[in-house]
N, C-alpha and C. Protein backbone atom coordinates (compact mmCIF):
# COMPACT_ATOMS: atom_id res chain seq x y z
N UNK A 1 14.61 -12.23 56.28
CA UNK A 1 13.89 -11.99 54.67
C UNK A 1 12.84 -13.18 55.07
N UNK A 2 11.61 -12.53 54.37
CA UNK A 2 10.31 -13.72 54.10
C UNK A 2 10.62 -14.58 53.27
N UNK A 3 10.93 -15.87 53.40
CA UNK A 3 11.13 -17.03 52.55
C UNK A 3 9.96 -17.47 51.64
N UNK A 4 8.73 -16.99 52.34
CA UNK A 4 7.48 -17.39 51.87
C UNK A 4 7.03 -16.13 50.77
N UNK A 5 7.75 -15.04 50.58
CA UNK A 5 7.26 -14.24 49.61
C UNK A 5 7.22 -14.77 48.16
N UNK A 6 6.17 -14.40 47.54
CA UNK A 6 5.72 -14.51 46.39
C UNK A 6 6.50 -13.90 45.17
N UNK A 7 6.88 -14.56 44.31
CA UNK A 7 7.29 -13.77 43.17
C UNK A 7 6.53 -13.60 42.09
N UNK A 8 6.48 -12.91 41.14
CA UNK A 8 5.57 -12.70 40.04
C UNK A 8 6.06 -12.44 38.59
N UNK A 9 5.76 -13.11 37.75
CA UNK A 9 6.29 -13.17 36.48
C UNK A 9 5.35 -12.19 35.57
N UNK A 10 5.78 -11.55 34.84
CA UNK A 10 4.92 -10.74 34.19
C UNK A 10 5.37 -10.80 32.75
N UNK A 11 4.56 -10.98 31.63
CA UNK A 11 4.71 -10.86 30.27
C UNK A 11 4.21 -9.55 29.60
N UNK A 12 4.89 -8.87 29.20
CA UNK A 12 4.54 -7.70 28.62
C UNK A 12 4.60 -7.92 27.17
N UNK A 13 3.60 -7.29 26.63
CA UNK A 13 3.41 -7.77 24.79
C UNK A 13 3.50 -6.02 24.46
N UNK A 14 4.54 -5.74 23.55
CA UNK A 14 4.99 -4.76 22.99
C UNK A 14 4.32 -4.67 21.64
N UNK A 15 4.15 -3.51 21.36
CA UNK A 15 3.65 -3.22 19.90
C UNK A 15 4.02 -1.40 19.71
N UNK A 16 3.90 -1.23 18.50
CA UNK A 16 4.12 0.41 18.46
C UNK A 16 3.39 0.74 17.11
N UNK A 17 2.95 2.05 16.98
CA UNK A 17 2.06 2.74 16.20
C UNK A 17 2.61 3.85 15.38
N UNK A 18 2.46 3.78 14.41
CA UNK A 18 2.82 5.28 13.50
C UNK A 18 4.30 5.44 14.00
N UNK A 19 5.25 4.66 13.55
CA UNK A 19 6.82 4.95 13.55
C UNK A 19 7.07 5.76 12.33
N UNK A 20 8.25 6.26 12.51
CA UNK A 20 8.69 7.06 11.23
C UNK A 20 8.64 6.30 10.05
N UNK A 21 8.23 7.13 8.91
CA UNK A 21 8.11 5.96 7.64
C UNK A 21 9.75 5.57 7.30
N UNK A 22 10.70 6.14 7.65
CA UNK A 22 11.91 5.45 7.26
C UNK A 22 12.05 4.28 8.23
N UNK A 23 11.41 4.02 9.23
CA UNK A 23 11.71 2.97 10.19
C UNK A 23 10.83 1.79 9.37
N UNK A 24 9.95 2.06 8.97
CA UNK A 24 8.99 1.19 7.97
C UNK A 24 9.81 0.36 6.87
N UNK A 25 10.87 1.05 6.61
CA UNK A 25 11.94 0.38 5.56
C UNK A 25 12.77 -0.50 6.29
N UNK A 26 12.91 -0.18 7.28
CA UNK A 26 14.22 -0.87 8.03
C UNK A 26 13.75 -1.88 9.19
N UNK A 27 14.35 -2.55 9.68
CA UNK A 27 14.62 -3.49 10.99
C UNK A 27 14.54 -2.68 12.47
N UNK A 28 13.63 -2.97 13.08
CA UNK A 28 13.51 -2.34 14.76
C UNK A 28 13.22 -3.52 15.64
N UNK A 29 13.74 -3.38 16.64
CA UNK A 29 13.50 -4.24 17.82
C UNK A 29 12.94 -3.31 19.25
N UNK A 30 12.53 -3.99 19.92
CA UNK A 30 12.17 -3.32 21.60
C UNK A 30 13.01 -3.83 22.64
N UNK A 31 13.24 -2.95 23.33
CA UNK A 31 13.79 -3.42 24.82
C UNK A 31 12.86 -2.93 25.85
N UNK A 32 12.94 -3.68 27.18
CA UNK A 32 12.46 -3.40 28.19
C UNK A 32 13.29 -2.95 29.16
N UNK A 33 13.77 -2.19 30.32
CA UNK A 33 14.80 -1.85 31.06
C UNK A 33 14.10 -1.26 32.32
N UNK A 34 14.79 -1.27 33.32
CA UNK A 34 14.33 -0.84 34.58
C UNK A 34 15.91 0.12 35.13
N UNK A 35 15.57 1.30 35.10
CA UNK A 35 17.06 2.16 34.82
C UNK A 35 17.70 1.78 33.80
N UNK A 36 19.19 1.55 34.43
CA UNK A 36 20.33 1.22 33.34
C UNK A 36 20.41 -0.36 33.09
N UNK A 37 19.41 -1.23 33.75
CA UNK A 37 19.38 -2.30 33.44
C UNK A 37 18.69 -3.16 32.33
N UNK A 38 18.99 -3.71 31.41
CA UNK A 38 18.24 -4.22 30.29
C UNK A 38 17.18 -5.12 30.95
N UNK A 39 15.83 -5.39 30.84
CA UNK A 39 15.21 -6.75 31.36
C UNK A 39 14.75 -7.73 30.23
N UNK A 40 15.00 -7.34 29.15
CA UNK A 40 14.74 -8.22 27.84
C UNK A 40 14.38 -7.39 26.71
N UNK A 41 14.55 -8.00 25.55
CA UNK A 41 14.97 -7.66 24.13
C UNK A 41 14.12 -8.52 23.39
N UNK A 42 13.12 -8.07 22.38
CA UNK A 42 12.47 -8.61 21.14
C UNK A 42 13.49 -9.43 20.28
N UNK A 43 12.80 -9.82 19.18
CA UNK A 43 13.81 -10.25 17.76
C UNK A 43 13.39 -8.80 17.11
N UNK A 44 14.16 -8.84 16.27
CA UNK A 44 13.97 -7.52 15.24
C UNK A 44 12.93 -8.02 14.14
N UNK A 45 12.13 -6.84 13.78
CA UNK A 45 11.21 -7.24 12.81
C UNK A 45 11.43 -6.17 11.65
N UNK A 46 10.87 -6.71 10.40
CA UNK A 46 11.61 -5.63 9.53
C UNK A 46 10.22 -5.37 8.52
N UNK A 47 10.21 -4.14 7.85
CA UNK A 47 9.29 -3.48 7.00
C UNK A 47 8.01 -2.98 7.52
N UNK A 48 7.92 -2.50 8.73
CA UNK A 48 6.49 -2.25 9.08
C UNK A 48 6.69 -0.78 10.05
N UNK A 49 5.67 0.14 10.03
CA UNK A 49 5.62 1.10 10.66
C UNK A 49 4.85 0.87 12.04
N UNK A 50 4.37 -0.52 12.28
CA UNK A 50 3.60 -0.80 13.08
C UNK A 50 3.62 -2.30 13.67
N UNK A 51 5.09 -2.08 14.21
CA UNK A 51 5.54 -3.51 14.56
C UNK A 51 4.91 -4.26 15.75
N UNK A 52 4.55 -5.32 15.96
CA UNK A 52 3.69 -6.03 17.21
C UNK A 52 4.64 -7.38 17.46
N UNK A 53 5.28 -7.23 18.61
CA UNK A 53 6.22 -8.58 19.00
C UNK A 53 5.39 -9.32 19.67
N UNK A 54 4.78 -10.32 19.25
CA UNK A 54 3.94 -11.59 19.83
C UNK A 54 4.25 -12.29 21.08
N UNK A 55 5.67 -12.75 21.09
CA UNK A 55 6.37 -13.23 22.25
C UNK A 55 6.28 -12.54 23.16
N UNK A 56 6.62 -11.07 22.92
CA UNK A 56 6.72 -10.37 24.26
C UNK A 56 8.02 -10.42 25.24
N UNK A 57 8.00 -10.14 26.10
CA UNK A 57 9.04 -10.08 27.12
C UNK A 57 8.41 -10.43 28.47
N UNK A 58 9.19 -11.43 29.45
CA UNK A 58 8.97 -11.74 30.41
C UNK A 58 9.59 -11.28 31.54
N UNK A 59 9.23 -10.24 32.72
CA UNK A 59 9.82 -10.01 33.92
C UNK A 59 9.71 -10.64 35.16
N UNK A 60 10.52 -10.49 35.74
CA UNK A 60 10.38 -11.52 37.03
C UNK A 60 10.06 -10.45 38.21
N UNK A 61 9.40 -10.73 39.09
CA UNK A 61 9.17 -9.57 40.25
C UNK A 61 8.97 -8.14 39.68
N UNK A 62 8.07 -8.25 39.04
CA UNK A 62 7.87 -6.90 38.16
C UNK A 62 6.38 -6.03 38.70
N UNK A 63 5.92 -6.24 39.61
CA UNK A 63 4.63 -5.95 39.95
C UNK A 63 5.06 -4.36 40.43
N UNK A 64 6.22 -3.88 41.07
CA UNK A 64 6.44 -2.63 41.56
C UNK A 64 7.40 -1.76 41.00
N UNK A 65 7.81 -2.47 39.72
CA UNK A 65 8.90 -1.61 38.86
C UNK A 65 8.39 -0.41 38.11
N UNK A 66 9.28 0.15 37.94
CA UNK A 66 9.31 1.46 36.92
C UNK A 66 9.92 1.04 35.90
N UNK A 67 9.41 0.99 34.86
CA UNK A 67 9.90 0.21 33.46
C UNK A 67 10.06 1.36 32.31
N UNK A 68 10.98 1.09 31.43
CA UNK A 68 10.87 1.86 30.34
C UNK A 68 10.98 0.88 28.88
N UNK A 69 10.05 1.29 28.02
CA UNK A 69 9.97 0.40 26.77
C UNK A 69 10.54 1.07 25.98
N UNK A 70 11.58 0.79 25.13
CA UNK A 70 11.83 1.58 23.84
C UNK A 70 11.64 0.74 22.43
N UNK A 71 11.43 1.17 21.26
CA UNK A 71 11.67 0.78 19.96
C UNK A 71 12.79 1.29 19.55
N UNK A 72 13.74 0.53 18.92
CA UNK A 72 14.79 1.13 18.33
C UNK A 72 15.26 0.46 17.05
N UNK A 73 15.89 1.38 16.34
CA UNK A 73 16.56 0.79 14.81
C UNK A 73 17.41 0.17 14.84
N UNK A 74 17.29 -1.10 14.33
CA UNK A 74 18.41 -2.25 14.32
C UNK A 74 19.68 -1.78 14.14
N UNK A 75 19.80 -0.54 12.64
CA UNK A 75 21.11 -0.57 12.20
C UNK A 75 22.04 0.54 12.94
N UNK A 76 21.27 1.22 13.70
CA UNK A 76 22.29 2.28 14.59
C UNK A 76 21.65 2.01 16.14
N UNK A 77 20.92 1.41 16.55
CA UNK A 77 20.25 1.16 17.88
C UNK A 77 19.30 2.94 18.09
N UNK A 78 19.33 3.63 17.50
CA UNK A 78 18.49 5.00 17.57
C UNK A 78 16.92 4.51 18.32
N UNK A 79 16.97 5.37 19.12
CA UNK A 79 15.52 5.16 19.85
C UNK A 79 14.38 5.77 19.02
N UNK A 80 13.54 5.29 18.51
CA UNK A 80 12.32 5.73 17.45
C UNK A 80 11.34 5.99 18.41
N UNK A 81 10.61 5.24 19.73
CA UNK A 81 9.79 5.49 20.34
C UNK A 81 10.13 5.15 21.77
N UNK A 82 9.34 5.84 22.78
CA UNK A 82 9.77 5.21 24.48
C UNK A 82 8.59 5.49 25.09
N UNK A 83 8.41 4.62 26.18
CA UNK A 83 7.25 5.04 27.02
C UNK A 83 7.77 4.49 28.39
N UNK A 84 7.67 5.30 29.52
CA UNK A 84 7.89 5.12 31.02
C UNK A 84 6.52 4.47 31.66
N UNK A 85 6.64 3.32 32.68
CA UNK A 85 5.33 3.07 33.01
C UNK A 85 5.97 2.20 34.29
N UNK A 86 4.80 2.25 35.15
CA UNK A 86 4.94 1.27 36.56
C UNK A 86 3.96 0.31 36.34
N UNK A 87 4.73 -1.10 36.58
CA UNK A 87 3.88 -2.04 36.21
C UNK A 87 2.65 -2.05 36.96
N UNK A 88 3.04 -1.99 38.30
CA UNK A 88 1.90 -2.15 39.26
C UNK A 88 0.47 -1.28 38.95
N UNK A 89 0.97 0.15 38.47
CA UNK A 89 -0.21 0.95 38.21
C UNK A 89 -1.22 0.32 36.96
N UNK A 90 0.17 -0.10 35.96
CA UNK A 90 -0.77 -0.79 34.86
C UNK A 90 -1.26 -1.92 34.91
N UNK A 91 -1.24 -2.94 36.09
CA UNK A 91 -1.94 -3.89 36.33
C UNK A 91 -2.89 -3.60 37.30
N UNK A 92 -3.14 -2.39 38.07
CA UNK A 92 -3.96 -2.09 38.50
C UNK A 92 -5.40 -1.15 37.85
N UNK A 93 -4.81 -0.76 36.54
CA UNK A 93 -5.70 -0.62 35.39
C UNK A 93 -6.66 -1.45 34.72
N UNK A 94 -5.58 -2.62 34.60
CA UNK A 94 -6.13 -3.71 33.76
C UNK A 94 -7.20 -4.68 34.36
N UNK A 95 -6.90 -4.79 35.83
CA UNK A 95 -7.68 -5.57 36.76
C UNK A 95 -8.06 -4.77 38.18
N UNK A 96 -9.62 -5.26 38.34
CA UNK A 96 -10.19 -4.38 39.68
C UNK A 96 -9.58 -5.24 40.92
N UNK A 97 -9.90 -5.06 41.89
CA UNK A 97 -9.20 -5.40 42.98
C UNK A 97 -9.58 -7.04 43.50
N UNK A 98 -10.42 -7.65 42.65
CA UNK A 98 -10.68 -8.87 42.73
C UNK A 98 -10.09 -9.98 41.93
N UNK A 99 -9.20 -9.09 41.09
CA UNK A 99 -8.36 -10.03 40.09
C UNK A 99 -9.19 -10.06 38.76
N UNK A 100 -10.24 -9.65 38.43
CA UNK A 100 -11.12 -9.63 37.64
C UNK A 100 -10.73 -8.83 36.57
N UNK A 101 -10.87 -8.96 35.24
CA UNK A 101 -10.29 -8.13 34.31
C UNK A 101 -11.59 -7.09 33.91
N UNK A 102 -11.33 -5.99 34.13
CA UNK A 102 -12.10 -4.59 33.63
C UNK A 102 -12.54 -4.63 32.29
N UNK A 103 -13.71 -4.19 32.22
CA UNK A 103 -14.38 -3.90 30.93
C UNK A 103 -13.40 -2.89 30.30
N UNK A 104 -13.02 -3.25 29.27
CA UNK A 104 -12.23 -2.30 28.27
C UNK A 104 -10.68 -2.54 28.78
N UNK A 105 -10.46 -3.06 29.71
CA UNK A 105 -9.11 -3.13 30.39
C UNK A 105 -7.88 -4.42 29.15
């Protein structure tokens, strides 16, 4: 193995918009997973249909991972929203080849 390989830590900022009305009256939290392995979980937020988890979730060696982010109702863990993405592709859209932030990214 290459002992000089660089590890990458990525902070994922999570937010949701237009959750069901009943979600706004209760608590919700978000998770990030790779397959069946949970990589992180946010704190619970109460009383909004547009939660924004400022702390985010930090994942290690995330550059090429396919991950799933889910928003759950805290009462029963029901999934209220879900998105799948490849971290490397998301980073490529945010930054150009020189590592500079792209306009609108």
